[in-house]
PDB file of N, CA and C in Angstrom:
ATOM      1  N   MET A   1     138.493  82.239  90.162  1.00  0.00           N
ATOM      2  CA  MET A   1     137.963  82.408  91.509  1.00  0.00           C
ATOM      3  C   MET A   1     137.170  81.170  91.893  1.00  0.00           C
ATOM      4  N   ALA A   2     137.395  80.676  93.088  1.00  0.00           N
ATOM      5  CA  ALA A   2     136.714  79.465  93.561  1.00  0.00           C
ATOM      6  C   ALA A   2     135.251  79.763  93.895  1.00  0.00           C
ATOM      7  N   LYS A   3     134.416  78.766  93.697  1.00  0.00           N
ATOM      8  CA  LYS A   3     132.996  78.898  94.019  1.00  0.00           C
ATOM      9  C   LYS A   3     132.832  79.027  95.531  1.00  0.00           C
ATOM     10  N   GLU A   4     132.015  80.005  95.925  1.00  0.00           N
ATOM     11  CA  GLU A   4     131.788  80.203  97.358  1.00  0.00           C
ATOM     12  C   GLU A   4     130.961  79.058  97.929  1.00  0.00           C
ATOM     13  N   LYS A   5     131.284  78.700  99.152  1.00  0.00           N
ATOM     14  CA  LYS A   5     130.570  77.630  99.834  1.00  0.00           C
ATOM     15  C   LYS A   5     129.186  78.126 100.255  1.00  0.00           C
ATOM     16  N   GLN A   6     128.167  77.270 100.039  1.00  0.00           N
ATOM     17  CA  GLN A   6     126.807  77.630 100.438  1.00  0.00           C
ATOM     18  C   GLN A   6     126.695  77.677 101.952  1.00  0.00           C
ATOM     19  N   THR A   7     125.885  78.612 102.416  1.00  0.00           N
ATOM     20  CA  THR A   7     125.585  78.640 103.844  1.00  0.00           C
ATOM     21  C   THR A   7     124.599  77.518 104.140  1.00  0.00           C
ATOM     22  N   THR A   8     124.447  77.206 105.388  1.00  0.00           N
ATOM     23  CA  THR A   8     123.490  76.169 105.785  1.00  0.00           C
ATOM     24  C   THR A   8     122.084  76.549 105.336  1.00  0.00           C
ATOM     25  N   SER A   9     121.728  77.793 105.488  1.00  0.00           N
ATOM     26  CA  SER A   9     120.401  78.255 105.094  1.00  0.00           C
ATOM     27  C   SER A   9     120.193  78.101 103.588  1.00  0.00           C
ATOM     28  N   GLU A  10     121.209  78.455 102.807  1.00  0.00           N
ATOM     29  CA  GLU A  10     121.110  78.298 101.352  1.00  0.00           C
ATOM     30  C   GLU A  10     120.993  76.828 100.968  1.00  0.00           C
ATOM     31  N   ARG A  11     121.734  75.983 101.638  1.00  0.00           N
ATOM     32  CA  ARG A  11     121.686  74.536 101.373  1.00  0.00           C
ATOM     33  C   ARG A  11     120.298  73.991 101.703  1.00  0.00           C
ATOM     34  N   LEU A  12     119.730  74.436 102.826  1.00  0.00           N
ATOM     35  CA  LEU A  12     118.388  73.986 103.194  1.00  0.00           C
ATOM     36  C   LEU A  12     117.352  74.430 102.167  1.00  0.00           C
ATOM     37  N   GLU A  13     117.463  75.669 101.705  1.00  0.00           N
ATOM     38  CA  GLU A  13     116.533  76.155 100.681  1.00  0.00           C
ATOM     39  C   GLU A  13     116.636  75.301  99.424  1.00  0.00           C
ATOM     40  N   SER A  14     117.833  74.960  99.047  1.00  0.00           N
ATOM     41  CA  SER A  14     118.057  74.120  97.875  1.00  0.00           C
ATOM     42  C   SER A  14     117.455  72.724  98.076  1.00  0.00           C
ATOM     43  N   LEU A  15     117.662  72.168  99.243  1.00  0.00           N
ATOM     44  CA  LEU A  15     117.119  70.842  99.541  1.00  0.00           C
ATOM     45  C   LEU A  15     115.586  70.847  99.512  1.00  0.00           C
ATOM     46  N   PHE A  16     114.981  71.870 100.087  1.00  0.00           N
ATOM     47  CA  PHE A  16     113.519  71.942 100.072  1.00  0.00           C
ATOM     48  C   PHE A  16     112.985  72.114  98.650  1.00  0.00           C
ATOM     49  N   GLN A  17     113.693  72.848  97.822  1.00  0.00           N
ATOM     50  CA  GLN A  17     113.288  72.985  96.422  1.00  0.00           C
ATOM     51  C   GLN A  17     113.328  71.622  95.727  1.00  0.00           C
ATOM     52  N   GLU A  18     114.347  70.844  96.019  1.00  0.00           N
ATOM     53  CA  GLU A  18     114.434  69.487  95.466  1.00  0.00           C
ATOM     54  C   GLU A  18     113.270  68.636  95.931  1.00  0.00           C
ATOM     55  N   VAL A  19     112.874  68.772  97.179  1.00  0.00           N
ATOM     56  CA  VAL A  19     111.727  68.025  97.713  1.00  0.00           C
ATOM     57  C   VAL A  19     110.460  68.380  96.935  1.00  0.00           C
ATOM     58  N   VAL A  20     110.229  69.665  96.724  1.00  0.00           N
ATOM     59  CA  VAL A  20     109.042  70.122  95.995  1.00  0.00           C
ATOM     60  C   VAL A  20     109.052  69.568  94.572  1.00  0.00           C
ATOM     61  N   GLU A  21     110.176  69.661  93.893  1.00  0.00           N
ATOM     62  CA  GLU A  21     110.278  69.155  92.523  1.00  0.00           C
ATOM     63  C   GLU A  21     110.066  67.643  92.468  1.00  0.00           C
ATOM     64  N   THR A  22     110.597  66.928  93.440  1.00  0.00           N
ATOM     65  CA  THR A  22     110.425  65.480  93.490  1.00  0.00           C
ATOM     66  C   THR A  22     108.958  65.114  93.693  1.00  0.00           C
ATOM     67  N   ARG A  23     108.282  65.827  94.591  1.00  0.00           N
ATOM     68  CA  ARG A  23     106.850  65.583  94.804  1.00  0.00           C
ATOM     69  C   ARG A  23     106.054  65.816  93.527  1.00  0.00           C
ATOM     70  N   GLU A  24     106.357  66.920  92.838  1.00  0.00           N
ATOM     71  CA  GLU A  24     105.636  67.234  91.601  1.00  0.00           C
ATOM     72  C   GLU A  24     105.862  66.152  90.550  1.00  0.00           C
ATOM     73  N   ASN A  25     107.094  65.683  90.427  1.00  0.00           N
ATOM     74  CA  ASN A  25     107.393  64.619  89.470  1.00  0.00           C
ATOM     75  C   ASN A  25     106.723  63.311  89.846  1.00  0.00           C
ATOM     76  N   ALA A  26     106.714  62.996  91.131  1.00  0.00           N
ATOM     77  CA  ALA A  26     106.061  61.769  91.594  1.00  0.00           C
ATOM     78  C   ALA A  26     104.558  61.826  91.326  1.00  0.00           C
ATOM     79  N   GLU A  27     103.950  62.976  91.534  1.00  0.00           N
ATOM     80  CA  GLU A  27     102.515  63.143  91.284  1.00  0.00           C
ATOM     81  C   GLU A  27     102.205  62.943  89.800  1.00  0.00           C
ATOM     82  N   LYS A  28     103.035  63.517  88.931  1.00  0.00           N
ATOM     83  CA  LYS A  28     102.833  63.336  87.486  1.00  0.00           C
ATOM     84  C   LYS A  28     102.953  61.865  87.096  1.00  0.00           C
ATOM     85  N   LEU A  29     103.957  61.191  87.623  1.00  0.00           N
ATOM     86  CA  LEU A  29     104.163  59.777  87.318  1.00  0.00           C
ATOM     87  C   LEU A  29     103.001  58.936  87.824  1.00  0.00           C
ATOM     88  N   GLU A  30     102.511  59.238  89.025  1.00  0.00           N
ATOM     89  CA  GLU A  30     101.373  58.503  89.575  1.00  0.00           C
ATOM     90  C   GLU A  30     100.144  58.695  88.693  1.00  0.00           C
ATOM     91  N   ARG A  31      99.864  59.929  88.292  1.00  0.00           N
ATOM     92  CA  ARG A  31      98.697  60.198  87.434  1.00  0.00           C
ATOM     93  C   ARG A  31      98.790  59.449  86.109  1.00  0.00           C
ATOM     94  N   LYS A  32      99.972  59.458  85.491  1.00  0.00           N
ATOM     95  CA  LYS A  32     100.161  58.724  84.239  1.00  0.00           C
ATOM     96  C   LYS A  32      99.925  57.230  84.451  1.00  0.00           C
ATOM     97  N   SER A  33     100.454  56.697  85.533  1.00  0.00           N
ATOM     98  CA  SER A  33     100.331  55.271  85.824  1.00  0.00           C
ATOM     99  C   SER A  33      98.884  54.882  86.075  1.00  0.00           C
ATOM    100  N   VAL A  34      98.175  55.698  86.839  1.00  0.00           N
ATOM    101  CA  VAL A  34      96.761  55.410  87.118  1.00  0.00           C
ATOM    102  C   VAL A  34      95.959  55.487  85.827  1.00  0.00           C
ATOM    103  N   LYS A  35      96.224  56.483  85.003  1.00  0.00           N
ATOM    104  CA  LYS A  35      95.500  56.615  83.734  1.00  0.00           C
ATOM    105  C   LYS A  35      95.675  55.366  82.882  1.00  0.00           C
ATOM    106  N   LEU A  36      96.901  54.898  82.750  1.00  0.00           N
ATOM    107  CA  LEU A  36      97.168  53.703  81.960  1.00  0.00           C
ATOM    108  C   LEU A  36      96.494  52.477  82.567  1.00  0.00           C
ATOM    109  N   ALA A  37      96.573  52.346  83.878  1.00  0.00           N
ATOM    110  CA  ALA A  37      95.955  51.198  84.547  1.00  0.00           C
ATOM    111  C   ALA A  37      94.440  51.188  84.331  1.00  0.00           C
ATOM    112  N   VAL A  38      93.818  52.351  84.444  1.00  0.00           N
ATOM    113  CA  VAL A  38      92.365  52.448  84.216  1.00  0.00           C
ATOM    114  C   VAL A  38      92.052  52.072  82.769  1.00  0.00           C
ATOM    115  N   GLN A  39      92.833  52.577  81.840  1.00  0.00           N
ATOM    116  CA  GLN A  39      92.626  52.244  80.423  1.00  0.00           C
ATOM    117  C   GLN A  39      92.777  50.743  80.164  1.00  0.00           C
ATOM    118  N   GLU A  40      93.635  50.098  80.935  1.00  0.00           N
ATOM    119  CA  GLU A  40      93.855  48.655  80.804  1.00  0.00           C
ATOM    120  C   GLU A  40      92.827  47.827  81.572  1.00  0.00           C
ATOM    121  N   GLY A  41      91.906  48.503  82.247  1.00  0.00           N
ATOM    122  CA  GLY A  41      90.831  47.799  82.943  1.00  0.00           C
ATOM    123  C   GLY A  41      91.145  47.353  84.359  1.00  0.00           C
ATOM    124  N   TRP A  42      92.196  47.869  84.929  1.00  0.00           N
ATOM    125  CA  TRP A  42      92.520  47.501  86.303  1.00  0.00           C
ATOM    126  C   TRP A  42      91.458  48.033  87.252  1.00  0.00           C
ATOM    127  N   SER A  43      91.204  47.288  88.305  1.00  0.00           N
ATOM    128  CA  SER A  43      90.264  47.728  89.340  1.00  0.00           C
ATOM    129  C   SER A  43      90.943  48.752  90.241  1.00  0.00           C
ATOM    130  N   TRP A  44      90.108  49.530  90.942  1.00  0.00           N
ATOM    131  CA  TRP A  44      90.659  50.488  91.905  1.00  0.00           C
ATOM    132  C   TRP A  44      91.428  49.754  93.000  1.00  0.00           C
ATOM    133  N   ALA A  45      90.968  48.579  93.371  1.00  0.00           N
ATOM    134  CA  ALA A  45      91.661  47.803  94.405  1.00  0.00           C
ATOM    135  C   ALA A  45      93.062  47.402  93.939  1.00  0.00           C
ATOM    136  N   ARG A  46      93.169  46.990  92.695  1.00  0.00           N
ATOM    137  CA  ARG A  46      94.478  46.585  92.165  1.00  0.00           C
ATOM    138  C   ARG A  46      95.425  47.780  92.067  1.00  0.00           C
ATOM    139  N   ILE A  47      94.910  48.899  91.589  1.00  0.00           N
ATOM    140  CA  ILE A  47      95.731  50.111  91.505  1.00  0.00           C
ATOM    141  C   ILE A  47      96.177  50.530  92.905  1.00  0.00           C
ATOM    142  N   ALA A  48      95.243  50.533  93.840  1.00  0.00           N
ATOM    143  CA  ALA A  48      95.553  50.928  95.217  1.00  0.00           C
ATOM    144  C   ALA A  48      96.640  50.051  95.819  1.00  0.00           C
ATOM    145  N   LYS A  49      96.553  48.748  95.566  1.00  0.00           N
ATOM    146  CA  LYS A  49      97.566  47.834  96.102  1.00  0.00           C
ATOM    147  C   LYS A  49      98.949  48.197  95.581  1.00  0.00           C
ATOM    148  N   GLN A  50      99.044  48.527  94.302  1.00  0.00           N
ATOM    149  CA  GLN A  50     100.332  48.892  93.721  1.00  0.00           C
ATOM    150  C   GLN A  50     100.872  50.202  94.297  1.00  0.00           C
ATOM    151  N   LEU A  51      99.964  51.111  94.661  1.00  0.00           N
ATOM    152  CA  LEU A  51     100.377  52.397  95.231  1.00  0.00           C
ATOM    153  C   LEU A  51     100.583  52.342  96.740  1.00  0.00           C
ATOM    154  N   GLY A  52     100.154  51.248  97.355  1.00  0.00           N
ATOM    155  CA  GLY A  52     100.307  51.116  98.802  1.00  0.00           C
ATOM    156  C   GLY A  52      99.330  51.961  99.592  1.00  0.00           C
ATOM    157  N   VAL A  53      98.137  52.157  99.016  1.00  0.00           N
ATOM    158  CA  VAL A  53      97.088  52.929  99.683  1.00  0.00           C
ATOM    159  C   VAL A  53      95.787  52.126  99.636  1.00  0.00           C
ATOM    160  N   SER A  54      94.756  52.647 100.291  1.00  0.00           N
ATOM    161  CA  SER A  54      93.471  51.954 100.275  1.00  0.00           C
ATOM    162  C   SER A  54      92.747  52.190  98.951  1.00  0.00           C
ATOM    163  N   ARG A  55      91.844  51.287  98.621  1.00  0.00           N
ATOM    164  CA  ARG A  55      91.024  51.432  97.427  1.00  0.00           C
ATOM    165  C   ARG A  55      90.235  52.728  97.490  1.00  0.00           C
ATOM    166  N   GLN A  56      89.721  53.030  98.684  1.00  0.00           N
ATOM    167  CA  GLN A  56      88.939  54.249  98.856  1.00  0.00           C
ATOM    168  C   GLN A  56      89.773  55.497  98.569  1.00  0.00           C
ATOM    169  N   ALA A  57      91.017  55.485  99.013  1.00  0.00           N
ATOM    170  CA  ALA A  57      91.893  56.654  98.809  1.00  0.00           C
ATOM    171  C   ALA A  57      92.162  56.896  97.330  1.00  0.00           C
ATOM    172  N   VAL A  58      92.489  55.842  96.602  1.00  0.00           N
ATOM    173  CA  VAL A  58      92.798  56.017  95.183  1.00  0.00           C
ATOM    174  C   VAL A  58      91.530  56.356  94.398  1.00  0.00           C
ATOM    175  N   HIS A  59      90.417  55.768  94.785  1.00  0.00           N
ATOM    176  CA  HIS A  59      89.148  56.063  94.107  1.00  0.00           C
ATOM    177  C   HIS A  59      88.761  57.519  94.325  1.00  0.00           C
ATOM    178  N   LYS A  60      88.878  57.976  95.550  1.00  0.00           N
ATOM    179  CA  LYS A  60      88.527  59.372  95.871  1.00  0.00           C
ATOM    180  C   LYS A  60      89.399  60.347  95.081  1.00  0.00           C
ATOM    181  N   LYS A  61      90.681  60.032  94.951  1.00  0.00           N
ATOM    182  CA  LYS A  61      91.621  60.932  94.293  1.00  0.00           C
ATOM    183  C   LYS A  61      91.444  60.964  92.772  1.00  0.00           C
ATOM    184  N   TYR A  62      91.090  59.822  92.162  1.00  0.00           N
ATOM    185  CA  TYR A  62      91.116  59.735  90.705  1.00  0.00           C
ATOM    186  C   TYR A  62      89.798  59.422  90.007  1.00  0.00           C
ATOM    187  N   ALA A  63      88.827  58.878  90.689  1.00  0.00           N
ATOM    188  CA  ALA A  63      87.617  58.407  90.006  1.00  0.00           C
ATOM    189  C   ALA A  63      86.917  59.503  89.216  1.00  0.00           C
ATOM    190  N   LYS A  64      86.916  60.716  89.730  1.00  0.00           N
ATOM    191  CA  LYS A  64      86.228  61.814  89.013  1.00  0.00           C
ATOM    192  C   LYS A  64      86.834  62.052  87.639  1.00  0.00           C
ATOM    193  N   ASP A  65      88.109  61.707  87.473  1.00  0.00           N
ATOM    194  CA  ASP A  65      88.772  61.887  86.179  1.00  0.00           C
ATOM    195  C   ASP A  65      88.415  60.794  85.175  1.00  0.00           C
ATOM    196  N   TYR A  66      87.813  59.696  85.671  1.00  0.00           N
ATOM    197  CA  TYR A  66      87.578  58.541  84.801  1.00  0.00           C
ATOM    198  C   TYR A  66      86.143  58.050  84.841  1.00  0.00           C
ATOM    199  N   LYS A  67      85.208  58.942  85.123  1.00  0.00           N
ATOM    200  CA  LYS A  67      83.800  58.551  85.117  1.00  0.00           C
ATOM    201  C   LYS A  67      83.424  58.127  83.705  1.00  0.00           C
ATOM    202  N   LYS A  68      82.660  57.047  83.623  1.00  0.00           N
ATOM    203  CA  LYS A  68      82.227  56.547  82.314  1.00  0.00           C
ATOM    204  C   LYS A  68      81.230  57.514  81.709  1.00  0.00           C
ATOM    205  N   LYS A  69      81.455  57.809  80.450  1.00  0.00           N
ATOM    206  CA  LYS A  69      80.545  58.683  79.718  1.00  0.00           C
ATOM    207  C   LYS A  69      79.388  57.852  79.183  1.00  0.00           C
ATOM    208  N   LYS A  70      78.176  58.381  79.330  1.00  0.00           N
ATOM    209  CA  LYS A  70      76.993  57.654  78.835  1.00  0.00           C
ATOM    210  C   LYS A  70      76.576  58.137  77.488  1.00  0.00           C
TER     211      LYS A  70
END
């Protein structure tokens, strides 16, 4: 028996699921990259430039995860 053709609605649901999964994967990759960059001593400005965002944006999003312990 041949596979039934997806309806437009089913195709859209599938596409949106792919979008969600892609966002989640991109977020994980960004977090890993920022963690490594911070460990390597990169400045927030340098990290921000690589991500195509402002220094303030990347600092706000990640700095709390990398506060220096006293």
